Amino acid sequence: MNWDRIEGNWKQVKGKAREQWGKLTDSDWDQIAGKKDQLVGRIQERYGISKDEAQKQADEWAKAQSDVSQQEQQRQHEQQHNRAHEQHKETVKR
């Protein structure tokens, strides 16, 4: 998931980010508001790691969110296809 989408869907993805970085406070999350540079800075501060490492973690997390999103879209597509197929079969029977 790219950062524009993360920022736009922050309320939905914030919970997943909280699971990843539990040391961040409620205030941190409010200030981050989906902005990658803010997240990287807070991860760096709270975990005492380099900016490069914090950047790497944020990028890997965003990619994982993208993978999950793509899997969900594929699953929904398959369900729609199956429903349409079943409806077609019912129509043919009549």
C-alpha atoms as a PDB file:
ATOM      1  CA  MET A   1       0.000   0.000   0.000  1.00  0.00           C
ATOM      2  CA  ASN A   2       1.474   3.338  -0.900  1.00  0.00           C
ATOM      3  CA  TRP A   3       1.711   6.083   1.670  1.00  0.00           C
ATOM      4  CA  ASP A   4      -0.966   8.238   0.041  1.00  0.00           C
ATOM      5  CA  ARG A   5      -3.446   5.396   0.576  1.00  0.00           C
ATOM      6  CA  ILE A   6      -2.167   4.763   4.101  1.00  0.00           C
ATOM      7  CA  GLU A   7      -2.576   8.425   4.974  1.00  0.00           C
ATOM      8  CA  GLY A   8      -6.049   8.487   3.410  1.00  0.00           C
ATOM      9  CA  ASN A   9      -7.099   5.349   5.305  1.00  0.00           C
ATOM     10  CA  TRP A  10      -5.221   6.125   8.495  1.00  0.00           C
ATOM     11  CA  LYS A  11      -8.132   5.419  10.829  1.00  0.00           C
ATOM     12  CA  GLN A  12      -8.473   1.917   9.374  1.00  0.00           C
ATOM     13  CA  VAL A  13      -4.763   1.017   9.259  1.00  0.00           C
ATOM     14  CA  LYS A  14      -3.692   2.691  12.496  1.00  0.00           C
ATOM     15  CA  GLY A  15      -4.725  -0.362  14.519  1.00  0.00           C
ATOM     16  CA  LYS A  16      -2.463  -2.590  12.454  1.00  0.00           C
ATOM     17  CA  ALA A  17       0.390  -0.147  12.891  1.00  0.00           C
ATOM     18  CA  ARG A  18      -0.191  -0.120  16.656  1.00  0.00           C
ATOM     19  CA  GLU A  19       0.259  -3.906  16.669  1.00  0.00           C
ATOM     20  CA  GLN A  20       3.609  -3.491  14.922  1.00  0.00           C
ATOM     21  CA  TRP A  21       4.979  -0.671  17.098  1.00  0.00           C
ATOM     22  CA  GLY A  22       3.484  -1.007  20.564  1.00  0.00           C
ATOM     23  CA  LYS A  23       5.891   1.440  22.188  1.00  0.00           C
ATOM     24  CA  LEU A  24       4.297   4.397  20.416  1.00  0.00           C
ATOM     25  CA  THR A  25       1.830   6.380  22.510  1.00  0.00           C
ATOM     26  CA  ASP A  26      -1.670   7.580  21.672  1.00  0.00           C
ATOM     27  CA  SER A  27      -0.188  11.040  21.265  1.00  0.00           C
ATOM     28  CA  ASP A  28       2.386   9.644  18.819  1.00  0.00           C
ATOM     29  CA  TRP A  29      -0.352   8.065  16.721  1.00  0.00           C
ATOM     30  CA  ASP A  30      -2.358  11.283  16.669  1.00  0.00           C
ATOM     31  CA  GLN A  31       0.688  13.259  15.539  1.00  0.00           C
ATOM     32  CA  ILE A  32       1.703  10.700  12.915  1.00  0.00           C
ATOM     33  CA  ALA A  33      -1.711  10.886  11.196  1.00  0.00           C
ATOM     34  CA  GLY A  34      -0.535   8.568   8.422  1.00  0.00           C
ATOM     35  CA  LYS A  35       2.525  10.584   7.492  1.00  0.00           C
ATOM     36  CA  LYS A  36       5.487   8.350   6.752  1.00  0.00           C
ATOM     37  CA  ASP A  37       8.161  10.801   7.901  1.00  0.00           C
ATOM     38  CA  GLN A  38       6.368  11.233  11.232  1.00  0.00           C
ATOM     39  CA  LEU A  39       6.084   7.470  11.698  1.00  0.00           C
ATOM     40  CA  VAL A  40       9.747   6.922  10.881  1.00  0.00           C
ATOM     41  CA  GLY A  41      10.788   9.624  13.350  1.00  0.00           C
ATOM     42  CA  ARG A  42       8.649   8.192  16.153  1.00  0.00           C
ATOM     43  CA  ILE A  43       9.873   4.645  15.539  1.00  0.00           C
ATOM     44  CA  GLN A  44      13.441   5.930  15.602  1.00  0.00           C
ATOM     45  CA  GLU A  45      12.869   7.757  18.906  1.00  0.00           C
ATOM     46  CA  ARG A  46      10.879   5.102  20.762  1.00  0.00           C
ATOM     47  CA  TYR A  47      12.973   2.116  19.696  1.00  0.00           C
ATOM     48  CA  GLY A  48      16.376   3.821  19.671  1.00  0.00           C
ATOM     49  CA  ILE A  49      17.203   2.703  16.148  1.00  0.00           C
ATOM     50  CA  SER A  50      18.727   4.428  13.149  1.00  0.00           C
ATOM     51  CA  LYS A  51      16.653   6.406  10.706  1.00  0.00           C
ATOM     52  CA  ASP A  52      17.546   3.876   7.991  1.00  0.00           C
ATOM     53  CA  GLU A  53      16.297   0.972  10.118  1.00  0.00           C
ATOM     54  CA  ALA A  54      13.086   2.834  11.023  1.00  0.00           C
ATOM     55  CA  GLN A  55      12.583   3.627   7.324  1.00  0.00           C
ATOM     56  CA  LYS A  56      13.111  -0.033   6.442  1.00  0.00           C
ATOM     57  CA  GLN A  57      10.555  -1.152   9.036  1.00  0.00           C
ATOM     58  CA  ALA A  58       7.985   1.363   7.798  1.00  0.00           C
ATOM     59  CA  ASP A  59       8.507   0.318   4.177  1.00  0.00           C
ATOM     60  CA  GLU A  60       8.215  -3.388   5.017  1.00  0.00           C
ATOM     61  CA  TRP A  61       5.055  -2.750   7.024  1.00  0.00           C
ATOM     62  CA  ALA A  62       3.515  -0.733   4.167  1.00  0.00           C
ATOM     63  CA  LYS A  63       4.351  -3.515   1.704  1.00  0.00           C
ATOM     64  CA  ALA A  64       2.748  -6.089   4.000  1.00  0.00           C
ATOM     65  CA  GLN A  65      -0.401  -3.943   4.148  1.00  0.00           C
ATOM     66  CA  SER A  66      -0.412  -3.836   0.351  1.00  0.00           C
ATOM     67  CA  ASP A  67      -0.067  -7.620   0.156  1.00  0.00           C
ATOM     68  CA  VAL A  68      -2.980  -8.099   2.562  1.00  0.00           C
ATOM     69  CA  SER A  69      -5.072  -5.592   0.625  1.00  0.00           C
ATOM     70  CA  GLN A  70      -4.375  -7.368  -2.669  1.00  0.00           C
ATOM     71  CA  GLN A  71      -5.256 -10.741  -1.155  1.00  0.00           C
ATOM     72  CA  GLU A  72      -8.533  -9.343   0.157  1.00  0.00           C
ATOM     73  CA  GLN A  73      -9.370  -7.854  -3.243  1.00  0.00           C
ATOM     74  CA  GLN A  74      -8.638 -11.186  -4.925  1.00  0.00           C
ATOM     75  CA  ARG A  75     -10.830 -13.021  -2.425  1.00  0.00           C
ATOM     76  CA  GLN A  76     -13.690 -10.586  -3.004  1.00  0.00           C
ATOM     77  CA  HIS A  77     -13.318 -10.930  -6.766  1.00  0.00           C
ATOM     78  CA  GLU A  78     -13.485 -14.713  -6.503  1.00  0.00           C
ATOM     79  CA  GLN A  79     -16.593 -14.516  -4.324  1.00  0.00           C
ATOM     80  CA  GLN A  80     -18.305 -12.216  -6.823  1.00  0.00           C
ATOM     81  CA  HIS A  81     -17.371 -14.546  -9.663  1.00  0.00           C
ATOM     82  CA  ASN A  82     -18.731 -17.563  -7.791  1.00  0.00           C
ATOM     83  CA  ARG A  83     -22.008 -15.773  -6.983  1.00  0.00           C
ATOM     84  CA  ALA A  84     -22.444 -14.745 -10.615  1.00  0.00           C
ATOM     85  CA  HIS A  85     -21.745 -18.306 -11.729  1.00  0.00           C
ATOM     86  CA  GLU A  86     -24.327 -19.700  -9.291  1.00  0.00           C
ATOM     87  CA  GLN A  87     -26.905 -17.138 -10.427  1.00  0.00           C
ATOM     88  CA  HIS A  88     -26.269 -18.095 -14.044  1.00  0.00           C
ATOM     89  CA  LYS A  89     -26.739 -21.776 -13.247  1.00  0.00           C
ATOM     90  CA  GLU A  90     -30.067 -21.000 -11.537  1.00  0.00           C
ATOM     91  CA  THR A  91     -31.206 -18.959 -14.522  1.00  0.00           C
ATOM     92  CA  VAL A  92     -30.320 -21.766 -16.945  1.00  0.00           C
ATOM     93  CA  LYS A  93     -32.287 -24.297 -14.871  1.00  0.00           C
ATOM     94  CA  ARG A  94     -35.473 -22.242 -15.245  1.00  0.00           C
END
